[in-house]
Amino acid sequence: MKIKILSWNVRGANDSDKRKIIKSVIKSNKVDVVCLQETKIKDMSTGIVRSLGVGRHIDWRAINSRGAVGGVLVFWDNRVVESLEVEEGMFSVSCQFKNCMDGMRWVFTGVYGPVCRRDREGGPFTWRGGLNNQSQSRLDGFLVTDEWDRMFNGAMQGILARPVSDHCPILLEGGSLKRGPSPFRFENMWLEEKGFMDQMKRWWCSLTFTGSL
């Protein structure tokens, strides 16, 4: 079974235009489970969730913000996973899911706060801030168990471009992924990294080619 999980500190989801952008990221990546942190929404509603999610087959749970601080929203496609139990903590939403395809059970927890890293593809940083984006850090990530990794064979985590917020959305893909050569991928955000073009020139010059066009 394949699954796609997106986690994103959106730094506020009250603005309807911003929600359209968030929704476009979710839709374009065909995500099954979504966790949005720092929604800054005091009273989450089905209407707001539907303005973020894609399609009618959406279930959700949320922790409302405390004033203009915090807030966690988790929603999922109920044709892909079924929620068996949900627990809301002070800073987290935990869901026990059952895969609709194979019946396997697993737990997902969305947390607004520091998390452990997992090696990821894409850009080297998930957060940028300060004057001219001079401050950068890897604040966001997924932590998975060995059992989950075996259940969703070949899990990979990637960092997506950030159309809104100063945090990058991160995407965890697992299940039935073929092992083999990785396709070439390029993120425009890499061009913003100091020294990237010089490093690219060194890589290119180090390659040797034979044959003719």
N, C-alpha and C. Protein backbone atom coordinates (compact mmCIF):
# COMPACT_ATOMS: atom_id res chain seq x y z
N MET A 1 0.83 -1.20 0.00
CA MET A 1 0.00 0.00 0.00
C MET A 1 0.87 1.25 0.00
N LYS A 2 0.48 2.23 -0.79
CA LYS A 2 1.18 3.50 -0.84
C LYS A 2 0.49 4.52 0.05
N ILE A 3 1.28 5.43 0.60
CA ILE A 3 0.70 6.51 1.41
C ILE A 3 1.57 7.75 1.27
N LYS A 4 0.92 8.90 1.33
CA LYS A 4 1.63 10.18 1.33
C LYS A 4 1.13 11.00 2.52
N ILE A 5 2.08 11.46 3.33
CA ILE A 5 1.76 12.26 4.52
C ILE A 5 2.50 13.59 4.41
N LEU A 6 1.76 14.67 4.58
CA LEU A 6 2.37 16.00 4.51
C LEU A 6 2.29 16.68 5.87
N SER A 7 3.39 17.27 6.30
CA SER A 7 3.44 18.03 7.54
C SER A 7 3.96 19.43 7.22
N TRP A 8 3.29 20.45 7.79
CA TRP A 8 3.66 21.82 7.41
C TRP A 8 3.28 22.80 8.52
N ASN A 9 4.26 23.54 8.98
CA ASN A 9 4.00 24.66 9.89
C ASN A 9 3.63 25.85 9.02
N VAL A 10 2.34 26.13 8.93
CA VAL A 10 1.85 27.13 7.97
C VAL A 10 1.87 28.55 8.52
N ARG A 11 2.12 28.71 9.82
CA ARG A 11 2.17 30.03 10.45
C ARG A 11 0.89 30.82 10.20
N GLY A 12 -0.24 30.15 10.42
CA GLY A 12 -1.53 30.82 10.29
C GLY A 12 -2.30 30.35 9.07
N ALA A 13 -3.59 30.01 9.29
CA ALA A 13 -4.44 29.56 8.18
C ALA A 13 -5.79 30.26 8.21
N ASN A 14 -5.84 31.45 8.78
CA ASN A 14 -7.10 32.19 8.85
C ASN A 14 -7.47 32.85 7.53
N ASP A 15 -6.47 33.23 6.75
CA ASP A 15 -6.72 33.94 5.50
C ASP A 15 -7.17 32.97 4.41
N SER A 16 -8.29 33.26 3.75
CA SER A 16 -8.84 32.36 2.75
C SER A 16 -7.92 32.22 1.53
N ASP A 17 -7.26 33.30 1.13
CA ASP A 17 -6.33 33.21 0.00
C ASP A 17 -5.14 32.33 0.33
N LYS A 18 -4.68 32.41 1.57
CA LYS A 18 -3.57 31.56 1.99
C LYS A 18 -4.00 30.10 2.00
N ARG A 19 -5.23 29.84 2.43
CA ARG A 19 -5.73 28.46 2.44
C ARG A 19 -5.79 27.89 1.02
N LYS A 20 -6.10 28.72 0.04
CA LYS A 20 -6.12 28.24 -1.35
C LYS A 20 -4.74 27.79 -1.79
N ILE A 21 -3.73 28.51 -1.36
CA ILE A 21 -2.36 28.13 -1.71
C ILE A 21 -1.97 26.82 -1.02
N ILE A 22 -2.33 26.72 0.27
CA ILE A 22 -2.05 25.48 1.01
C ILE A 22 -2.75 24.30 0.34
N LYS A 23 -4.00 24.51 -0.05
CA LYS A 23 -4.77 23.46 -0.70
C LYS A 23 -4.13 23.04 -2.01
N SER A 24 -3.60 23.99 -2.76
CA SER A 24 -2.98 23.66 -4.04
C SER A 24 -1.76 22.76 -3.86
N VAL A 25 -1.00 22.98 -2.77
CA VAL A 25 0.15 22.12 -2.48
C VAL A 25 -0.32 20.71 -2.14
N ILE A 26 -1.36 20.62 -1.32
CA ILE A 26 -1.91 19.31 -0.94
C ILE A 26 -2.45 18.58 -2.16
N LYS A 27 -3.16 19.30 -3.01
CA LYS A 27 -3.76 18.69 -4.20
C LYS A 27 -2.71 18.24 -5.20
N SER A 28 -1.72 19.08 -5.45
CA SER A 28 -0.72 18.75 -6.47
C SER A 28 0.14 17.56 -6.05
N ASN A 29 0.28 17.33 -4.75
CA ASN A 29 1.08 16.20 -4.27
C ASN A 29 0.23 14.98 -3.93
N LYS A 30 -1.09 15.08 -4.11
CA LYS A 30 -2.01 13.95 -3.89
C LYS A 30 -1.78 13.32 -2.51
N VAL A 31 -1.91 14.16 -1.49
CA VAL A 31 -1.60 13.74 -0.12
C VAL A 31 -2.79 13.01 0.51
N ASP A 32 -2.50 11.97 1.30
CA ASP A 32 -3.54 11.19 1.97
C ASP A 32 -3.80 11.65 3.40
N VAL A 33 -2.74 12.01 4.11
CA VAL A 33 -2.84 12.47 5.50
C VAL A 33 -2.09 13.80 5.61
N VAL A 34 -2.74 14.79 6.22
CA VAL A 34 -2.15 16.13 6.32
C VAL A 34 -2.10 16.55 7.78
N CYS A 35 -0.98 17.12 8.19
CA CYS A 35 -0.86 17.73 9.51
C CYS A 35 -0.37 19.16 9.33
N LEU A 36 -1.18 20.12 9.76
CA LEU A 36 -0.80 21.53 9.71
C LEU A 36 -0.56 22.02 11.13
N GLN A 37 0.60 22.61 11.36
CA GLN A 37 0.91 23.16 12.67
C GLN A 37 0.82 24.68 12.65
N GLU A 38 0.60 25.22 13.82
CA GLU A 38 0.49 26.66 14.03
C GLU A 38 -0.58 27.26 13.10
N THR A 39 -1.77 26.67 13.17
CA THR A 39 -2.88 27.18 12.35
C THR A 39 -3.35 28.55 12.81
N LYS A 40 -3.17 28.84 14.10
CA LYS A 40 -3.61 30.11 14.71
C LYS A 40 -5.13 30.31 14.57
N ILE A 41 -5.86 29.20 14.52
CA ILE A 41 -7.32 29.25 14.41
C ILE A 41 -7.93 28.86 15.76
N LYS A 42 -8.72 29.76 16.34
CA LYS A 42 -9.28 29.54 17.67
C LYS A 42 -10.42 28.53 17.66
N ASP A 43 -11.14 28.45 16.56
CA ASP A 43 -12.31 27.56 16.49
C ASP A 43 -12.34 26.89 15.13
N MET A 44 -11.66 25.74 15.02
CA MET A 44 -11.61 25.02 13.75
C MET A 44 -12.99 24.49 13.40
N SER A 45 -13.31 24.50 12.11
CA SER A 45 -14.63 24.05 11.67
C SER A 45 -14.50 23.18 10.43
N THR A 46 -15.57 22.44 10.13
CA THR A 46 -15.59 21.61 8.93
C THR A 46 -15.43 22.45 7.68
N GLY A 47 -16.03 23.63 7.68
CA GLY A 47 -15.91 24.51 6.52
C GLY A 47 -14.48 24.91 6.24
N ILE A 48 -13.73 25.23 7.30
CA ILE A 48 -12.32 25.59 7.13
C ILE A 48 -11.52 24.40 6.63
N VAL A 49 -11.79 23.22 7.20
CA VAL A 49 -11.07 22.02 6.79
C VAL A 49 -11.33 21.71 5.32
N ARG A 50 -12.58 21.85 4.89
CA ARG A 50 -12.90 21.57 3.48
C ARG A 50 -12.27 22.60 2.54
N SER A 51 -12.00 23.79 3.04
CA SER A 51 -11.33 24.78 2.20
C SER A 51 -9.84 24.46 2.05
N LEU A 52 -9.35 23.55 2.89
CA LEU A 52 -7.95 23.13 2.82
C LEU A 52 -7.79 21.77 2.15
N GLY A 53 -8.75 20.87 2.41
CA GLY A 53 -8.67 19.52 1.89
C GLY A 53 -9.23 19.39 0.49
N VAL A 54 -9.00 18.24 -0.11
CA VAL A 54 -9.43 17.97 -1.48
C VAL A 54 -10.48 16.87 -1.47
N GLY A 55 -11.64 17.15 -2.05
CA GLY A 55 -12.68 16.14 -2.13
C GLY A 55 -13.60 16.12 -0.92
N ARG A 56 -14.57 15.22 -0.97
CA ARG A 56 -15.57 15.13 0.10
C ARG A 56 -15.24 14.11 1.16
N HIS A 57 -14.25 13.26 0.90
CA HIS A 57 -13.97 12.13 1.79
C HIS A 57 -12.91 12.51 2.81
N ILE A 58 -13.24 13.50 3.64
CA ILE A 58 -12.26 14.01 4.60
C ILE A 58 -12.80 13.88 6.02
N ASP A 59 -11.98 13.32 6.90
CA ASP A 59 -12.23 13.35 8.34
C ASP A 59 -11.10 14.15 8.99
N TRP A 60 -11.38 14.70 10.16
CA TRP A 60 -10.36 15.57 10.76
C TRP A 60 -10.51 15.66 12.27
N ARG A 61 -9.40 16.06 12.91
CA ARG A 61 -9.39 16.44 14.32
C ARG A 61 -8.40 17.58 14.49
N ALA A 62 -8.63 18.42 15.49
CA ALA A 62 -7.78 19.59 15.64
C ALA A 62 -7.66 20.02 17.09
N ILE A 63 -6.58 20.72 17.38
CA ILE A 63 -6.42 21.46 18.63
C ILE A 63 -6.50 22.93 18.26
N ASN A 64 -7.42 23.63 18.88
CA ASN A 64 -7.56 25.05 18.59
C ASN A 64 -6.37 25.84 19.16
N SER A 65 -6.12 26.98 18.56
CA SER A 65 -5.03 27.83 19.03
C SER A 65 -5.40 28.48 20.36
N ARG A 66 -4.39 28.93 21.06
CA ARG A 66 -4.59 29.70 22.28
C ARG A 66 -4.33 31.16 21.93
N GLY A 67 -5.39 31.85 21.64
CA GLY A 67 -5.25 33.20 21.12
C GLY A 67 -4.70 33.12 19.71
N ALA A 68 -3.60 33.79 19.47
CA ALA A 68 -2.97 33.78 18.15
C ALA A 68 -1.76 32.85 18.11
N VAL A 69 -1.70 31.91 19.05
CA VAL A 69 -0.55 31.03 19.17
C VAL A 69 -0.98 29.57 19.04
N GLY A 70 -0.22 28.80 18.27
CA GLY A 70 -0.42 27.35 18.21
C GLY A 70 -1.56 26.92 17.32
N GLY A 71 -2.06 25.73 17.60
CA GLY A 71 -3.11 25.12 16.81
C GLY A 71 -2.56 24.03 15.91
N VAL A 72 -3.15 22.84 15.98
CA VAL A 72 -2.74 21.70 15.14
C VAL A 72 -3.98 21.12 14.48
N LEU A 73 -3.89 20.87 13.19
CA LEU A 73 -4.98 20.25 12.43
C LEU A 73 -4.45 19.02 11.72
N VAL A 74 -5.13 17.89 11.91
CA VAL A 74 -4.83 16.66 11.17
C VAL A 74 -6.08 16.25 10.41
N PHE A 75 -5.96 16.06 9.11
CA PHE A 75 -7.10 15.53 8.35
C PHE A 75 -6.61 14.51 7.34
N TRP A 76 -7.52 13.63 6.92
CA TRP A 76 -7.12 12.49 6.11
C TRP A 76 -8.24 12.08 5.16
N ASP A 77 -7.86 11.37 4.10
CA ASP A 77 -8.79 10.80 3.14
C ASP A 77 -9.31 9.49 3.71
N ASN A 78 -10.59 9.44 4.06
CA ASN A 78 -11.12 8.24 4.71
C ASN A 78 -11.32 7.07 3.76
N ARG A 79 -11.01 7.26 2.48
CA ARG A 79 -10.99 6.12 1.55
C ARG A 79 -9.64 5.41 1.60
N VAL A 80 -8.64 6.06 2.19
CA VAL A 80 -7.30 5.50 2.27
C VAL A 80 -7.02 4.93 3.66
N VAL A 81 -7.36 5.71 4.70
CA VAL A 81 -7.18 5.24 6.08
C VAL A 81 -8.45 5.51 6.87
N GLU A 82 -8.72 4.61 7.80
CA GLU A 82 -9.87 4.76 8.72
C GLU A 82 -9.35 5.10 10.10
N SER A 83 -9.94 6.09 10.74
CA SER A 83 -9.53 6.46 12.09
C SER A 83 -10.24 5.57 13.10
N LEU A 84 -9.45 4.88 13.94
CA LEU A 84 -10.01 4.02 14.97
C LEU A 84 -10.09 4.72 16.32
N GLU A 85 -9.14 5.59 16.57
CA GLU A 85 -9.09 6.29 17.87
C GLU A 85 -8.28 7.57 17.70
N VAL A 86 -8.70 8.62 18.37
CA VAL A 86 -7.98 9.90 18.32
C VAL A 86 -7.79 10.43 19.74
N GLU A 87 -6.60 10.89 20.02
CA GLU A 87 -6.30 11.48 21.33
C GLU A 87 -5.70 12.87 21.12
N GLU A 88 -6.26 13.84 21.80
CA GLU A 88 -5.76 15.21 21.70
C GLU A 88 -4.97 15.56 22.96
N GLY A 89 -3.73 15.96 22.77
CA GLY A 89 -2.90 16.41 23.87
C GLY A 89 -2.85 17.93 23.90
N MET A 90 -2.00 18.46 24.75
CA MET A 90 -1.89 19.92 24.84
C MET A 90 -1.28 20.51 23.58
N PHE A 91 -0.32 19.76 22.99
CA PHE A 91 0.37 20.25 21.80
C PHE A 91 0.35 19.24 20.66
N SER A 92 -0.52 18.24 20.73
CA SER A 92 -0.46 17.17 19.73
C SER A 92 -1.83 16.56 19.46
N VAL A 93 -1.94 15.97 18.28
CA VAL A 93 -3.10 15.17 17.90
C VAL A 93 -2.58 13.81 17.46
N SER A 94 -3.04 12.73 18.13
CA SER A 94 -2.60 11.37 17.81
C SER A 94 -3.78 10.58 17.26
N CYS A 95 -3.56 9.92 16.13
CA CYS A 95 -4.61 9.14 15.47
C CYS A 95 -4.13 7.71 15.26
N GLN A 96 -4.96 6.75 15.66
CA GLN A 96 -4.69 5.37 15.29
C GLN A 96 -5.45 5.10 14.00
N PHE A 97 -4.71 4.77 12.95
CA PHE A 97 -5.30 4.54 11.64
C PHE A 97 -5.29 3.05 11.29
N LYS A 98 -6.25 2.68 10.44
CA LYS A 98 -6.24 1.36 9.82
C LYS A 98 -6.27 1.57 8.31
N ASN A 99 -5.33 0.95 7.62
CA ASN A 99 -5.30 1.06 6.17
C ASN A 99 -6.54 0.41 5.56
N CYS A 100 -7.22 1.12 4.71
CA CYS A 100 -8.43 0.57 4.09
C CYS A 100 -8.09 -0.58 3.14
N MET A 101 -6.89 -0.57 2.57
CA MET A 101 -6.54 -1.58 1.59
C MET A 101 -6.15 -2.92 2.22
N ASP A 102 -5.29 -2.87 3.25
CA ASP A 102 -4.78 -4.12 3.80
C ASP A 102 -5.12 -4.35 5.27
N GLY A 103 -5.79 -3.38 5.92
CA GLY A 103 -6.20 -3.55 7.30
C GLY A 103 -5.11 -3.35 8.34
N MET A 104 -3.90 -3.01 7.92
CA MET A 104 -2.81 -2.79 8.87
C MET A 104 -3.08 -1.53 9.70
N ARG A 105 -2.66 -1.57 10.97
CA ARG A 105 -2.89 -0.45 11.88
C ARG A 105 -1.59 0.25 12.23
N TRP A 106 -1.68 1.55 12.40
CA TRP A 106 -0.52 2.33 12.77
C TRP A 106 -0.98 3.63 13.42
N VAL A 107 -0.06 4.32 14.07
CA VAL A 107 -0.38 5.54 14.81
C VAL A 107 0.40 6.72 14.23
N PHE A 108 -0.31 7.81 14.04
CA PHE A 108 0.32 9.06 13.60
C PHE A 108 0.09 10.13 14.66
N THR A 109 1.13 10.86 14.99
CA THR A 109 1.03 11.97 15.94
C THR A 109 1.57 13.24 15.30
N GLY A 110 0.72 14.26 15.25
CA GLY A 110 1.15 15.57 14.77
C GLY A 110 1.43 16.46 15.96
N VAL A 111 2.63 17.05 16.00
CA VAL A 111 3.08 17.82 17.15
C VAL A 111 3.45 19.23 16.71
N TYR A 112 3.03 20.21 17.51
CA TYR A 112 3.52 21.57 17.30
C TYR A 112 4.61 21.81 18.32
N GLY A 113 5.85 21.66 17.91
CA GLY A 113 6.98 21.79 18.81
C GLY A 113 8.18 21.10 18.20
N PRO A 114 9.31 21.05 18.90
CA PRO A 114 10.52 20.43 18.37
C PRO A 114 10.29 18.96 18.09
N VAL A 115 10.86 18.45 16.98
CA VAL A 115 10.76 17.03 16.63
C VAL A 115 12.14 16.51 16.26
N CYS A 116 12.28 15.18 16.27
CA CYS A 116 13.54 14.57 15.87
C CYS A 116 13.66 14.54 14.35
N ARG A 117 14.88 14.46 13.87
CA ARG A 117 15.12 14.48 12.44
C ARG A 117 14.99 13.10 11.82
N ARG A 118 14.75 13.10 10.54
CA ARG A 118 14.94 11.92 9.72
C ARG A 118 15.62 12.43 8.46
N ASP A 119 16.61 11.71 7.96
CA ASP A 119 17.30 12.17 6.76
C ASP A 119 16.30 12.43 5.66
N ARG A 120 16.47 13.54 4.93
CA ARG A 120 15.49 13.91 3.94
C ARG A 120 16.16 14.40 2.67
N GLU A 121 15.42 14.31 1.57
CA GLU A 121 15.88 14.83 0.30
C GLU A 121 15.32 16.23 0.14
N GLY A 122 15.87 16.95 -0.83
CA GLY A 122 15.41 18.31 -1.07
C GLY A 122 16.40 19.30 -0.48
N GLY A 123 15.94 20.47 -0.13
CA GLY A 123 16.82 21.50 0.41
C GLY A 123 17.36 21.15 1.77
N PRO A 124 18.47 21.76 2.17
CA PRO A 124 19.09 21.44 3.46
C PRO A 124 18.38 22.03 4.66
N PHE A 125 17.49 23.00 4.46
CA PHE A 125 16.82 23.65 5.58
C PHE A 125 15.31 23.63 5.39
N THR A 126 14.58 23.59 6.51
CA THR A 126 13.11 23.63 6.45
C THR A 126 12.56 24.95 6.94
N TRP A 127 13.41 25.80 7.51
CA TRP A 127 12.94 27.10 8.03
C TRP A 127 13.94 28.17 7.66
N ARG A 128 13.41 29.33 7.28
CA ARG A 128 14.24 30.49 6.98
C ARG A 128 13.64 31.70 7.67
N GLY A 129 14.47 32.58 8.19
CA GLY A 129 13.96 33.77 8.85
C GLY A 129 15.06 34.79 9.04
N GLY A 130 14.72 35.85 9.75
CA GLY A 130 15.68 36.91 9.96
C GLY A 130 15.80 37.83 8.76
N LEU A 131 16.68 38.78 8.84
CA LEU A 131 16.89 39.75 7.77
C LEU A 131 17.40 39.05 6.52
N ASN A 132 16.68 39.21 5.41
CA ASN A 132 17.05 38.60 4.12
C ASN A 132 17.23 37.09 4.21
N ASN A 133 16.45 36.45 5.08
CA ASN A 133 16.49 35.00 5.24
C ASN A 133 17.89 34.49 5.60
N GLN A 134 18.64 35.26 6.40
CA GLN A 134 20.00 34.86 6.74
C GLN A 134 20.03 33.75 7.78
N SER A 135 18.96 33.59 8.55
CA SER A 135 18.90 32.52 9.55
C SER A 135 18.17 31.33 8.94
N GLN A 136 18.78 30.14 9.07
CA GLN A 136 18.18 28.94 8.52
C GLN A 136 18.35 27.78 9.50
N SER A 137 17.40 26.85 9.48
CA SER A 137 17.49 25.74 10.42
C SER A 137 16.66 24.57 9.92
N ARG A 138 16.96 23.38 10.45
CA ARG A 138 16.18 22.19 10.14
C ARG A 138 15.30 21.89 11.36
N LEU A 139 14.13 22.49 11.38
CA LEU A 139 13.24 22.38 12.54
C LEU A 139 12.19 21.30 12.37
N ASP A 140 11.85 20.95 11.14
CA ASP A 140 10.71 20.08 10.87
C ASP A 140 11.17 18.73 10.34
N GLY A 141 10.43 17.69 10.69
CA GLY A 141 10.79 16.37 10.19
C GLY A 141 9.85 15.30 10.68
N PHE A 142 10.01 14.10 10.14
CA PHE A 142 9.25 12.93 10.55
C PHE A 142 10.14 11.99 11.35
N LEU A 143 9.55 11.34 12.32
CA LEU A 143 10.22 10.28 13.07
C LEU A 143 9.35 9.04 12.93
N VAL A 144 9.91 7.96 12.37
CA VAL A 144 9.12 6.74 12.16
C VAL A 144 9.79 5.56 12.86
N THR A 145 8.98 4.56 13.20
CA THR A 145 9.50 3.34 13.81
C THR A 145 9.95 2.38 12.72
N ASP A 146 10.75 1.39 13.12
CA ASP A 146 11.17 0.36 12.16
C ASP A 146 9.96 -0.41 11.64
N GLU A 147 8.97 -0.63 12.52
CA GLU A 147 7.77 -1.36 12.10
C GLU A 147 7.01 -0.59 11.02
N TRP A 148 6.89 0.72 11.21
CA TRP A 148 6.19 1.53 10.20
C TRP A 148 6.98 1.52 8.89
N ASP A 149 8.29 1.59 8.99
CA ASP A 149 9.13 1.59 7.80
C ASP A 149 8.98 0.29 7.02
N ARG A 150 8.81 -0.82 7.74
CA ARG A 150 8.61 -2.10 7.06
C ARG A 150 7.20 -2.18 6.47
N MET A 151 6.22 -1.62 7.18
CA MET A 151 4.84 -1.64 6.70
C MET A 151 4.71 -0.88 5.39
N PHE A 152 5.33 0.30 5.35
CA PHE A 152 5.30 1.13 4.14
C PHE A 152 6.69 1.09 3.52
N ASN A 153 6.95 0.01 2.85
CA ASN A 153 8.25 -0.30 2.27
C ASN A 153 8.84 0.86 1.47
N GLY A 154 10.10 1.17 1.73
CA GLY A 154 10.81 2.17 0.94
C GLY A 154 10.41 3.60 1.22
N ALA A 155 10.16 3.95 2.48
CA ALA A 155 9.71 5.31 2.81
C ALA A 155 10.79 6.34 2.51
N MET A 156 10.35 7.47 1.97
CA MET A 156 11.26 8.57 1.66
C MET A 156 10.63 9.88 2.10
N GLN A 157 11.46 10.78 2.61
CA GLN A 157 11.00 12.10 3.02
C GLN A 157 11.62 13.17 2.14
N GLY A 158 10.81 14.12 1.70
CA GLY A 158 11.32 15.19 0.86
C GLY A 158 10.82 16.54 1.34
N ILE A 159 11.58 17.57 1.04
CA ILE A 159 11.21 18.94 1.38
C ILE A 159 10.67 19.63 0.14
N LEU A 160 9.49 20.23 0.26
CA LEU A 160 8.86 20.90 -0.86
C LEU A 160 9.15 22.40 -0.80
N ALA A 161 8.93 23.07 -1.92
CA ALA A 161 9.07 24.52 -1.96
C ALA A 161 8.03 25.16 -1.06
N ARG A 162 8.32 26.34 -0.54
CA ARG A 162 7.42 26.99 0.42
C ARG A 162 6.76 28.22 -0.23
N PRO A 163 5.55 28.09 -0.74
CA PRO A 163 4.86 29.23 -1.34
C PRO A 163 4.37 30.23 -0.31
N VAL A 164 4.10 29.76 0.91
CA VAL A 164 3.71 30.62 2.03
C VAL A 164 4.41 30.10 3.27
N SER A 165 4.43 30.89 4.34
CA SER A 165 5.07 30.54 5.61
C SER A 165 6.59 30.62 5.47
N ASP A 166 7.28 30.67 6.60
CA ASP A 166 8.73 30.61 6.57
C ASP A 166 9.23 29.20 6.84
N HIS A 167 8.31 28.23 6.86
CA HIS A 167 8.66 26.82 6.98
C HIS A 167 8.33 26.11 5.68
N CYS A 168 9.17 25.17 5.31
CA CYS A 168 8.90 24.35 4.12
C CYS A 168 7.98 23.20 4.48
N PRO A 169 7.03 22.85 3.61
CA PRO A 169 6.26 21.63 3.82
C PRO A 169 7.15 20.42 3.59
N ILE A 170 6.94 19.37 4.37
CA ILE A 170 7.71 18.14 4.18
C ILE A 170 6.75 17.01 3.86
N LEU A 171 7.17 16.14 2.96
CA LEU A 171 6.31 15.07 2.45
C LEU A 171 6.96 13.73 2.71
N LEU A 172 6.24 12.84 3.36
CA LEU A 172 6.69 11.48 3.61
C LEU A 172 5.91 10.54 2.71
N GLU A 173 6.62 9.80 1.86
CA GLU A 173 6.00 8.85 0.95
C GLU A 173 6.45 7.45 1.32
N GLY A 174 5.51 6.53 1.40
CA GLY A 174 5.86 5.17 1.73
C GLY A 174 4.98 4.16 1.02
N GLY A 175 5.51 2.94 0.85
CA GLY A 175 4.72 1.86 0.32
C GLY A 175 4.90 1.60 -1.15
N SER A 176 5.36 0.40 -1.47
CA SER A 176 5.46 -0.06 -2.86
C SER A 176 6.32 0.85 -3.72
N LEU A 177 7.30 1.48 -3.11
CA LEU A 177 8.22 2.30 -3.89
C LEU A 177 9.33 1.42 -4.44
N LYS A 178 9.59 1.52 -5.72
CA LYS A 178 10.58 0.68 -6.37
C LYS A 178 11.99 1.14 -6.02
N ARG A 179 12.83 0.18 -5.68
CA ARG A 179 14.23 0.49 -5.45
C ARG A 179 14.93 0.63 -6.80
N GLY A 180 15.87 1.50 -6.89
CA GLY A 180 16.59 1.66 -8.15
C GLY A 180 17.09 3.08 -8.28
N PRO A 181 17.57 3.43 -9.47
CA PRO A 181 18.10 4.78 -9.67
C PRO A 181 17.06 5.84 -9.36
N SER A 182 17.48 6.90 -8.69
CA SER A 182 16.56 7.99 -8.36
C SER A 182 16.43 8.93 -9.54
N PRO A 183 15.22 9.42 -9.83
CA PRO A 183 15.06 10.39 -10.91
C PRO A 183 15.72 11.71 -10.55
N PHE A 184 16.14 12.44 -11.58
CA PHE A 184 16.75 13.74 -11.33
C PHE A 184 15.69 14.71 -10.83
N ARG A 185 16.00 15.42 -9.75
CA ARG A 185 15.09 16.41 -9.20
C ARG A 185 15.86 17.69 -8.93
N PHE A 186 15.20 18.80 -9.14
CA PHE A 186 15.84 20.09 -8.89
C PHE A 186 14.84 21.03 -8.25
N GLU A 187 15.24 21.66 -7.16
CA GLU A 187 14.40 22.63 -6.47
C GLU A 187 15.00 24.02 -6.68
N ASN A 188 14.18 24.96 -7.13
CA ASN A 188 14.67 26.32 -7.36
C ASN A 188 15.25 26.95 -6.09
N MET A 189 14.75 26.50 -4.93
CA MET A 189 15.24 27.06 -3.67
C MET A 189 16.73 26.80 -3.47
N TRP A 190 17.27 25.74 -4.12
CA TRP A 190 18.70 25.46 -3.98
C TRP A 190 19.55 26.62 -4.50
N LEU A 191 19.02 27.33 -5.49
CA LEU A 191 19.76 28.44 -6.07
C LEU A 191 19.99 29.56 -5.06
N GLU A 192 19.18 29.59 -4.00
CA GLU A 192 19.32 30.62 -2.98
C GLU A 192 20.44 30.31 -2.00
N GLU A 193 20.96 29.06 -2.02
CA GLU A 193 21.99 28.67 -1.07
C GLU A 193 23.34 29.26 -1.48
N LYS A 194 24.01 29.88 -0.54
CA LYS A 194 25.32 30.48 -0.80
C LYS A 194 26.31 29.40 -1.22
N GLY A 195 27.00 29.62 -2.33
CA GLY A 195 28.01 28.69 -2.80
C GLY A 195 27.48 27.54 -3.62
N PHE A 196 26.16 27.48 -3.84
CA PHE A 196 25.59 26.34 -4.56
C PHE A 196 26.10 26.29 -6.00
N MET A 197 26.10 27.44 -6.70
CA MET A 197 26.51 27.45 -8.11
C MET A 197 27.98 27.07 -8.25
N ASP A 198 28.82 27.52 -7.33
CA ASP A 198 30.24 27.13 -7.38
C ASP A 198 30.40 25.64 -7.19
N GLN A 199 29.62 25.08 -6.26
CA GLN A 199 29.68 23.64 -6.02
C GLN A 199 29.18 22.88 -7.24
N MET A 200 28.13 23.38 -7.88
CA MET A 200 27.59 22.73 -9.07
C MET A 200 28.64 22.70 -10.19
N LYS A 201 29.37 23.80 -10.35
CA LYS A 201 30.42 23.84 -11.38
C LYS A 201 31.50 22.81 -11.10
N ARG A 202 31.87 22.66 -9.81
CA ARG A 202 32.89 21.67 -9.46
C ARG A 202 32.40 20.26 -9.74
N TRP A 203 31.13 19.98 -9.42
CA TRP A 203 30.57 18.65 -9.71
C TRP A 203 30.57 18.38 -11.22
N TRP A 204 30.15 19.38 -11.97
CA TRP A 204 30.04 19.20 -13.42
C TRP A 204 31.41 18.95 -14.05
N CYS A 205 32.41 19.72 -13.61
CA CYS A 205 33.75 19.58 -14.17
C CYS A 205 34.41 18.27 -13.77
N SER A 206 33.93 17.65 -12.69
CA SER A 206 34.52 16.39 -12.24
C SER A 206 34.02 15.19 -13.03
N LEU A 207 32.97 15.38 -13.85
CA LEU A 207 32.39 14.28 -14.61
C LEU A 207 33.16 14.04 -15.90
N THR A 208 33.21 12.78 -16.32
CA THR A 208 33.86 12.40 -17.57
C THR A 208 32.84 11.75 -18.49
N PHE A 209 32.79 12.21 -19.73
CA PHE A 209 31.83 11.68 -20.69
C PHE A 209 32.57 11.07 -21.88
N THR A 210 32.01 10.01 -22.44
CA THR A 210 32.56 9.38 -23.64
C THR A 210 31.46 9.21 -24.66
N GLY A 211 31.85 9.06 -25.93
CA GLY A 211 30.85 8.88 -26.98
C GLY A 211 30.54 10.20 -27.65
N SER A 212 29.53 10.18 -28.50
CA SER A 212 29.15 11.37 -29.25
C SER A 212 27.64 11.50 -29.28
N LEU A 213 27.16 12.70 -29.54
CA LEU A 213 25.72 12.96 -29.62
C LEU A 213 25.18 12.51 -30.97
